[in-house]
Amino acid sequence: MNTKAYFGKFGGQFVPETVMFALEELEEAYEKIAGTQEFKDELNDLLKHYVGRPSPLYHAKRLSEHYGHEIYLKREDLNHTGAHKINNALGQALLAKKMGKKKLLAETGAGQHGVATATAAALLGLECDVYMGATDVARQQLNAFRMDLLGAKVVSIHDGLKTLKEATTAAIQAWVNEIESSFYVIGSAVGPHPYPKIVRELQSVIGSETKEQLKEYGVKADYIIACVGGGSNAIGIFSGFLEDISVNLIGIEAAGLGADTPYHAATLTKGREGIIHGMKTIVLQDDFGMIAPVHSISAGLDYPGVGPEHAHLHDIKRVKYQAVSDDECINALRLTSRLEGIIPAIESSHALAYLEKLCPNLDKKSVIVVNVSGRGDKDMNTVMSYEKGKIYG
């Protein structure tokens, strides 16, 4: 067993032989190219002058007053394209160009990774196909149009539930067909090795910045909260604090209409070990081991698996994973908007919603960092039409 491919017992490369060649090529190229000073300098220059990093760590004084604790927001929503996704997409696209690939392939749920990949492709002069479930295309029309405007081809998938799982499956199939000339840009910390490690490293800028910014404020984090679908924004911010066991790390999944109903995407809360999209991880399954249908108001958290590093961190109890419902999420989005003038993405609002559960139960005044992984512009139609108990999609 290739131990480099695993986080504890999770990870691996559960893919057809046709894909193994591409994974080996990717791992070799990443180790050879991404470690060079030239690559690091070029990527860091883009992150600074194109993306707008470092993103601010903002002391949310009115939320702090509301909850009785010191709340800090890591403002990934202020990045170019509106989310943390650009950190990873730019890094992978730059690697693809240096490998001589002509086309980027990507999957997307909420559309932010698709927009980020289309943006990177436009910047670097590459072709781009983005696979998106038809349900997600309908609820994220703005992002679908943005991708089209950036020159990407949006491929709408009508299989199954027509969401992120089906889009990912279709993107992998397309990659197998074009494996010589195309590069598959995975948007989250999921998939076969080496993708989870590559995505974690490219998103680790969130955690390293947050660590330094807390020092500038002269405070130490007691809690760090991030939403978890596949888990890239969460592993990005957690990575800076995993070694410091005095910092409590909390990942928030989508409970949908309730984790005790069939309508949720609370993988680590309700799932069990299984294989999905080339990795061994925790998966939501039915009694026969088939991938279970999932539901969340959030297109970005609507996924029946989770990144293998999160499965491992859950297994060793380094990170605590909880679930937040659609209704709790929308309430948090509205509260943050009204108190701070910041409209967070529905995904990020799951993390903000957990403040309602955490803060009243703390026995001392605490410093809490919430990763605001994206902005809510893309979600306005969903928020406007929101009805408690409604099934979306």
Protein backbone atom coordinates (compact mmCIF):
# COMPACT_ATOMS: atom_id res chain seq x y z
CA MET A 1 0.00 0.00 0.00
CA ASN A 2 1.26 3.49 -0.88
CA THR A 3 1.12 5.09 2.58
CA LYS A 4 1.62 8.55 1.00
CA ALA A 5 -1.82 8.10 -0.58
CA TYR A 6 -3.59 7.75 2.78
CA PHE A 7 -4.64 9.73 5.82
CA GLY A 8 -4.79 6.94 8.38
CA LYS A 9 -7.04 4.36 6.72
CA PHE A 10 -8.71 6.86 4.36
CA GLY A 11 -7.70 7.97 0.86
CA GLY A 12 -6.06 5.78 -1.77
CA GLN A 13 -6.53 5.49 -5.53
CA PHE A 14 -9.66 3.50 -6.38
CA VAL A 15 -9.69 4.21 -10.10
CA PRO A 16 -9.49 2.32 -13.44
CA GLU A 17 -6.08 1.57 -14.93
CA THR A 18 -6.66 4.26 -17.56
CA VAL A 19 -6.65 6.91 -14.83
CA MET A 20 -3.60 5.60 -12.93
CA PHE A 21 -1.26 6.89 -15.64
CA ALA A 22 -2.67 10.42 -15.28
CA LEU A 23 -2.48 10.30 -11.46
CA GLU A 24 1.15 9.18 -11.58
CA GLU A 25 1.91 11.93 -14.11
CA LEU A 26 0.18 14.48 -11.88
CA GLU A 27 1.98 13.41 -8.71
CA GLU A 28 5.36 13.47 -10.44
CA ALA A 29 4.70 16.87 -12.03
CA TYR A 30 3.42 18.36 -8.77
CA GLU A 31 6.48 17.19 -6.83
CA LYS A 32 8.84 18.34 -9.58
CA ILE A 33 7.21 21.68 -10.53
CA ALA A 34 5.20 22.95 -7.54
CA GLY A 35 8.19 22.73 -5.22
CA THR A 36 10.34 25.06 -7.34
CA GLN A 37 10.89 28.66 -6.33
CA GLU A 38 9.82 29.78 -9.81
CA PHE A 39 6.37 28.15 -9.45
CA LYS A 40 5.90 29.43 -5.89
CA ASP A 41 6.88 32.98 -6.85
CA GLU A 42 4.55 32.98 -9.89
CA LEU A 43 1.61 31.61 -7.87
CA ASN A 44 2.23 33.96 -4.94
CA ASP A 45 2.38 36.92 -7.33
CA LEU A 46 -1.00 35.92 -8.80
CA LEU A 47 -2.50 35.39 -5.33
CA LYS A 48 -1.37 38.86 -4.29
CA HIS A 49 -1.98 40.96 -7.40
CA TYR A 50 -4.81 39.03 -9.10
CA VAL A 51 -6.75 37.34 -6.28
CA GLY A 52 -6.18 40.08 -3.70
CA ARG A 53 -4.54 38.07 -0.93
CA PRO A 54 -4.08 38.17 1.95
CA SER A 55 -7.81 38.18 2.63
CA PRO A 56 -8.63 40.15 5.80
CA LEU A 57 -9.34 38.65 9.20
CA TYR A 58 -12.17 40.90 10.36
CA HIS A 59 -13.17 41.44 13.99
CA ALA A 60 -16.99 41.33 13.74
CA LYS A 61 -17.85 43.63 16.64
CA ARG A 62 -21.64 43.55 16.31
CA LEU A 63 -21.73 39.75 16.01
CA SER A 64 -19.33 39.64 18.98
CA GLU A 65 -21.69 41.81 21.01
CA HIS A 66 -24.66 39.68 19.94
CA TYR A 67 -23.05 36.39 20.99
CA GLY A 68 -20.99 37.61 23.97
CA HIS A 69 -17.74 36.26 22.50
CA GLU A 70 -15.04 37.67 20.23
CA ILE A 71 -16.01 36.66 16.69
CA TYR A 72 -13.50 37.01 13.84
CA LEU A 73 -14.38 36.36 10.19
CA LYS A 74 -11.78 35.14 7.69
CA ARG A 75 -12.94 37.01 4.59
CA GLU A 76 -12.41 34.54 1.73
CA ASP A 77 -15.55 36.13 0.24
CA LEU A 78 -13.38 39.12 -0.72
CA ASN A 79 -11.18 37.08 -3.07
CA HIS A 80 -11.48 37.65 -6.82
CA THR A 81 -14.44 35.49 -8.02
CA GLY A 82 -15.98 35.59 -4.53
CA ALA A 83 -14.73 32.49 -2.72
CA HIS A 84 -11.75 30.44 -1.55
CA LYS A 85 -11.99 28.28 -4.69
CA ILE A 86 -9.68 30.54 -6.71
CA ASN A 87 -6.65 29.68 -4.50
CA ASN A 88 -6.77 26.05 -5.62
CA ALA A 89 -7.98 26.59 -9.20
CA LEU A 90 -5.14 29.00 -10.00
CA GLY A 91 -2.54 26.67 -8.55
CA GLN A 92 -3.78 23.64 -10.48
CA ALA A 93 -4.27 25.64 -13.71
CA LEU A 94 -0.73 27.00 -13.48
CA LEU A 95 0.56 23.45 -12.99
CA ALA A 96 -1.49 22.26 -15.99
CA LYS A 97 0.01 24.94 -18.21
CA LYS A 98 3.54 24.02 -17.15
CA MET A 99 2.72 20.36 -17.89
CA GLY A 100 1.77 21.35 -21.45
CA LYS A 101 -1.96 20.58 -21.09
CA LYS A 102 -4.36 22.45 -23.38
CA LYS A 103 -7.68 22.04 -21.60
CA LEU A 104 -8.99 22.20 -18.02
CA LEU A 105 -11.88 20.00 -16.91
CA ALA A 106 -13.78 20.71 -13.69
CA GLU A 107 -16.89 19.76 -11.75
CA THR A 108 -18.89 22.27 -9.74
CA GLY A 109 -21.87 22.37 -7.40
CA ALA A 110 -22.44 25.92 -6.19
CA GLY A 111 -20.60 27.11 -9.28
CA GLN A 112 -17.78 28.89 -7.45
CA HIS A 113 -15.15 26.29 -8.37
CA GLY A 114 -16.42 26.35 -11.95
CA VAL A 115 -16.14 30.14 -12.06
CA ALA A 116 -12.67 29.98 -10.49
CA THR A 117 -11.47 27.37 -12.99
CA ALA A 118 -12.98 29.27 -15.94
CA THR A 119 -11.27 32.42 -14.64
CA ALA A 120 -7.89 30.68 -14.36
CA ALA A 121 -8.32 29.20 -17.84
CA ALA A 122 -9.09 32.64 -19.32
CA LEU A 123 -6.10 34.15 -17.53
CA LEU A 124 -3.69 31.44 -18.72
CA GLY A 125 -5.10 30.92 -22.23
CA LEU A 126 -6.47 27.39 -21.73
CA GLU A 127 -9.71 25.77 -22.90
CA CYS A 128 -12.19 24.87 -20.16
CA ASP A 129 -15.16 22.49 -19.80
CA VAL A 130 -17.14 22.63 -16.54
CA TYR A 131 -19.52 19.81 -15.58
CA MET A 132 -22.51 20.83 -13.49
CA GLY A 133 -25.68 18.99 -12.46
CA ALA A 134 -28.82 20.35 -14.14
CA THR A 135 -30.38 21.00 -10.71
CA ASP A 136 -27.38 23.13 -9.75
CA VAL A 137 -27.39 24.94 -13.11
CA ALA A 138 -30.99 25.96 -12.37
CA ARG A 139 -30.30 27.20 -8.83
CA GLN A 140 -26.95 28.79 -9.73
CA GLN A 141 -27.84 30.41 -13.06
CA LEU A 142 -25.70 33.47 -12.36
CA ASN A 143 -22.56 31.38 -11.93
CA ALA A 144 -23.39 29.28 -15.00
CA PHE A 145 -23.62 32.50 -17.02
CA ARG A 146 -20.37 33.82 -15.53
CA MET A 147 -18.57 30.66 -16.70
CA ASP A 148 -20.00 31.06 -20.19
CA LEU A 149 -18.94 34.73 -20.26
CA LEU A 150 -15.40 33.70 -19.26
CA GLY A 151 -15.24 31.39 -22.28
CA ALA A 152 -15.85 28.05 -20.58
CA LYS A 153 -18.29 25.44 -21.85
CA VAL A 154 -20.84 24.48 -19.17
CA VAL A 155 -21.89 20.84 -19.58
CA SER A 156 -25.25 20.25 -17.86
CA ILE A 157 -25.66 16.73 -16.41
CA HIS A 158 -29.14 15.22 -16.24
CA ASP A 159 -28.32 11.88 -14.55
CA GLY A 160 -29.47 10.90 -11.05
CA LEU A 161 -30.16 13.81 -8.72
CA LYS A 162 -28.45 16.15 -11.22
CA THR A 163 -26.15 17.62 -8.55
CA LEU A 164 -22.47 17.53 -7.56
CA LYS A 165 -22.03 13.75 -7.35
CA GLU A 166 -23.27 13.26 -10.92
CA ALA A 167 -21.22 16.24 -12.18
CA THR A 168 -18.07 14.76 -10.62
CA THR A 169 -18.73 11.35 -12.17
CA ALA A 170 -19.23 12.93 -15.62
CA ALA A 171 -16.08 15.05 -15.29
CA ILE A 172 -13.99 11.98 -14.42
CA GLN A 173 -15.42 10.10 -17.43
CA ALA A 174 -14.58 13.03 -19.73
CA TRP A 175 -11.06 13.16 -18.32
CA VAL A 176 -10.52 9.47 -19.10
CA ASN A 177 -11.51 10.19 -22.71
CA GLU A 178 -9.10 13.15 -23.05
CA ILE A 179 -6.39 12.10 -20.62
CA GLU A 180 -3.40 13.05 -22.79
CA SER A 181 -4.36 16.67 -23.46
CA SER A 182 -6.59 17.64 -20.52
CA PHE A 183 -6.06 18.35 -16.83
CA TYR A 184 -8.79 17.61 -14.28
CA VAL A 185 -8.99 20.43 -11.73
CA ILE A 186 -10.69 18.92 -8.67
CA GLY A 187 -12.38 21.66 -6.65
CA SER A 188 -12.41 20.13 -3.20
CA ALA A 189 -10.15 18.03 -0.97
CA VAL A 190 -11.60 14.84 -2.46
CA GLY A 191 -10.81 12.24 -5.11
CA PRO A 192 -7.91 9.84 -5.57
CA HIS A 193 -4.39 10.62 -4.34
CA PRO A 194 -2.66 13.06 -4.90
CA TYR A 195 -5.65 15.43 -5.24
CA PRO A 196 -6.62 15.72 -1.53
CA LYS A 197 -3.03 16.63 -0.63
CA ILE A 198 -2.62 19.06 -3.54
CA VAL A 199 -5.87 20.86 -2.70
CA ARG A 200 -4.97 20.99 1.01
CA GLU A 201 -1.57 22.51 0.22
CA LEU A 202 -3.01 25.08 -2.18
CA GLN A 203 -5.71 26.06 0.34
CA SER A 204 -3.34 26.06 3.35
CA VAL A 205 -2.71 29.76 2.61
CA ILE A 206 -6.01 30.40 4.48
CA GLY A 207 -4.72 28.80 7.69
CA SER A 208 -1.23 30.31 7.54
CA GLU A 209 -2.65 33.81 6.97
CA THR A 210 -5.19 33.41 9.77
CA LYS A 211 -2.46 32.35 12.20
CA GLU A 212 -0.39 35.47 11.45
CA GLN A 213 -3.41 37.78 11.48
CA LEU A 214 -4.47 36.56 14.94
CA LYS A 215 -1.00 37.51 16.19
CA GLU A 216 -1.48 41.00 14.74
CA TYR A 217 -4.68 41.30 16.80
CA GLY A 218 -2.76 39.97 19.83
CA VAL A 219 -5.24 37.14 20.41
CA LYS A 220 -5.22 33.34 20.24
CA ALA A 221 -8.07 31.34 18.71
CA ASP A 222 -10.07 29.09 21.00
CA TYR A 223 -12.35 27.82 18.21
CA ILE A 224 -12.16 27.73 14.42
CA ILE A 225 -15.33 26.89 12.49
CA ALA A 226 -15.70 26.10 8.78
CA CYS A 227 -18.37 24.47 6.63
CA VAL A 228 -17.61 21.04 5.16
CA GLY A 229 -18.94 19.55 1.92
CA GLY A 230 -15.93 17.96 0.29
CA GLY A 231 -13.95 20.10 2.70
CA SER A 232 -11.39 22.34 0.96
CA ASN A 233 -12.06 25.61 2.78
CA ALA A 234 -12.15 23.76 6.09
CA ILE A 235 -8.92 21.81 5.56
CA GLY A 236 -7.36 25.04 4.31
CA ILE A 237 -7.98 26.93 7.54
CA PHE A 238 -7.62 23.90 9.85
CA SER A 239 -4.18 23.07 8.40
CA GLY A 240 -2.60 26.01 10.21
CA PHE A 241 -3.84 24.80 13.60
CA LEU A 242 -3.85 20.98 13.52
CA GLU A 243 -0.69 20.76 15.64
CA ASP A 244 -2.02 23.15 18.29
CA ILE A 245 -4.40 21.01 20.34
CA SER A 246 -5.47 24.04 22.41
CA VAL A 247 -7.43 25.21 19.35
CA ASN A 248 -10.81 23.51 18.94
CA LEU A 249 -11.59 22.81 15.29
CA ILE A 250 -15.22 22.39 14.23
CA GLY A 251 -16.46 21.34 10.78
CA ILE A 252 -20.10 21.98 9.91
CA GLU A 253 -22.01 19.75 7.51
CA ALA A 254 -25.43 20.27 5.94
CA ALA A 255 -28.30 18.79 7.95
CA GLY A 256 -30.81 19.85 5.29
CA LEU A 257 -34.31 19.27 6.66
CA GLY A 258 -32.75 17.43 9.62
CA ALA A 259 -30.03 14.80 10.03
CA ASP A 260 -32.71 12.35 11.24
CA THR A 261 -34.70 12.75 8.01
CA PRO A 262 -33.69 11.35 4.58
CA TYR A 263 -33.09 14.94 3.40
CA HIS A 264 -29.58 15.90 4.49
CA ALA A 265 -25.89 15.75 3.49
CA ALA A 266 -24.43 15.13 6.97
CA THR A 267 -21.83 12.60 5.85
CA LEU A 268 -19.64 12.35 8.95
CA THR A 269 -22.70 12.46 11.20
CA LYS A 270 -24.59 9.67 9.46
CA GLY A 271 -22.24 7.95 6.97
CA ARG A 272 -19.98 4.92 7.07
CA GLU A 273 -16.83 3.74 5.31
CA GLY A 274 -17.12 3.35 1.56
CA ILE A 275 -15.64 4.20 -1.84
CA ILE A 276 -16.66 7.23 -3.88
CA HIS A 277 -14.92 9.12 -6.69
CA GLY A 278 -11.65 7.23 -6.38
CA MET A 279 -11.18 7.46 -2.61
CA LYS A 280 -11.95 5.48 0.53
CA THR A 281 -13.75 7.79 2.92
CA ILE A 282 -17.00 8.16 4.87
CA VAL A 283 -20.00 7.98 2.54
CA LEU A 284 -23.77 8.29 2.94
CA GLN A 285 -25.15 4.89 1.85
CA ASP A 286 -28.36 2.93 1.95
CA ASP A 287 -28.69 -0.52 3.56
CA PHE A 288 -27.33 -2.15 0.38
CA GLY A 289 -24.20 0.04 0.18
CA MET A 290 -25.52 2.19 -2.66
CA ILE A 291 -24.71 5.92 -2.52
CA ALA A 292 -27.65 7.59 -0.79
CA PRO A 293 -29.44 10.62 -2.26
CA VAL A 294 -28.60 13.83 -0.41
CA HIS A 295 -30.28 17.17 0.15
CA SER A 296 -29.12 20.63 1.18
CA ILE A 297 -30.24 24.13 0.34
CA SER A 298 -26.54 24.61 -0.41
CA ALA A 299 -25.35 23.39 -3.82
CA GLY A 300 -21.77 23.40 -2.51
CA LEU A 301 -22.45 21.09 0.46
CA ASP A 302 -24.83 18.76 -1.42
CA TYR A 303 -22.36 15.83 -1.57
CA PRO A 304 -22.66 12.28 -0.15
CA GLY A 305 -18.94 11.93 0.63
CA VAL A 306 -16.22 13.98 2.31
CA GLY A 307 -12.48 14.45 1.83
CA PRO A 308 -10.40 11.57 3.23
CA GLU A 309 -8.38 13.85 5.52
CA HIS A 310 -11.61 14.98 7.17
CA ALA A 311 -12.64 11.34 7.58
CA HIS A 312 -9.30 10.74 9.31
CA LEU A 313 -9.53 13.84 11.51
CA HIS A 314 -13.02 12.71 12.54
CA ASP A 315 -11.70 9.20 13.21
CA ILE A 316 -8.90 10.43 15.51
CA LYS A 317 -11.24 13.04 17.07
CA ARG A 318 -8.96 15.99 16.25
CA VAL A 319 -11.86 17.84 14.58
CA LYS A 320 -15.43 17.83 15.84
CA TYR A 321 -18.04 17.63 13.08
CA GLN A 322 -21.60 18.88 13.56
CA ALA A 323 -24.56 19.49 11.24
CA VAL A 324 -26.72 22.58 10.69
CA SER A 325 -30.14 22.64 9.01
CA ASP A 326 -31.31 24.70 6.04
CA ASP A 327 -33.40 26.87 8.34
CA GLU A 328 -30.59 27.53 10.83
CA CYS A 329 -28.32 28.41 7.91
CA ILE A 330 -30.74 30.95 6.38
CA ASN A 331 -31.29 32.57 9.79
CA ALA A 332 -27.52 32.98 10.20
CA LEU A 333 -27.19 34.45 6.70
CA ARG A 334 -29.84 37.05 7.52
CA LEU A 335 -28.35 37.85 10.94
CA THR A 336 -24.81 38.34 9.57
CA SER A 337 -26.15 40.50 6.74
CA ARG A 338 -28.06 42.76 9.13
CA LEU A 339 -25.47 43.02 11.89
CA GLU A 340 -22.28 43.24 9.82
CA GLY A 341 -23.30 44.30 6.31
CA ILE A 342 -21.74 41.08 5.01
CA ILE A 343 -23.90 38.71 2.95
CA PRO A 344 -22.22 35.29 3.25
CA ALA A 345 -22.67 32.37 0.87
CA ILE A 346 -25.21 29.75 1.93
CA GLU A 347 -22.29 27.32 2.40
CA SER A 348 -20.46 29.68 4.78
CA SER A 349 -23.71 30.46 6.58
CA HIS A 350 -23.74 26.88 7.88
CA ALA A 351 -20.54 27.67 9.80
CA LEU A 352 -21.94 30.98 11.05
CA ALA A 353 -25.13 29.21 12.19
CA TYR A 354 -23.16 27.02 14.58
CA LEU A 355 -22.41 30.12 16.69
CA GLU A 356 -26.03 29.83 17.94
CA LYS A 357 -25.26 26.39 19.36
CA LEU A 358 -21.68 26.95 20.52
CA CYS A 359 -21.72 30.36 22.17
CA PRO A 360 -24.41 29.84 24.85
CA ASN A 361 -22.57 26.75 26.13
CA LEU A 362 -19.09 28.23 26.58
CA ASP A 363 -18.03 28.78 30.19
CA LYS A 364 -15.57 31.59 29.41
CA LYS A 365 -15.31 34.41 26.89
CA SER A 366 -13.71 32.89 23.80
CA VAL A 367 -12.07 33.92 20.55
CA ILE A 368 -13.91 32.25 17.65
CA VAL A 369 -12.81 32.39 14.00
CA VAL A 370 -15.38 31.56 11.33
CA ASN A 371 -14.18 30.98 7.77
CA VAL A 372 -16.50 32.96 5.48
CA SER A 373 -15.57 30.83 2.48
CA GLY A 374 -17.65 32.74 -0.07
CA ARG A 375 -20.05 35.60 -0.66
CA GLY A 376 -23.78 35.28 -1.10
CA ASP A 377 -24.40 37.10 -4.39
CA LYS A 378 -24.87 33.75 -6.17
CA ASP A 379 -27.54 32.68 -3.65
CA MET A 380 -29.97 35.58 -3.76
CA ASN A 381 -32.65 33.73 -5.77
CA THR A 382 -32.52 30.81 -3.31
CA VAL A 383 -32.74 33.11 -0.28
CA MET A 384 -35.59 35.13 -1.81
CA SER A 385 -37.65 32.00 -2.52
CA TYR A 386 -36.73 30.17 0.71
CA GLU A 387 -39.53 28.36 2.52
CA LYS A 388 -38.88 26.27 5.63
CA GLY A 389 -39.20 22.56 4.91
CA LYS A 390 -39.02 22.95 1.12
CA ILE A 391 -37.02 20.46 -0.92
CA TYR A 392 -34.66 22.29 -3.26
CA GLY A 393 -33.78 20.87 -6.64
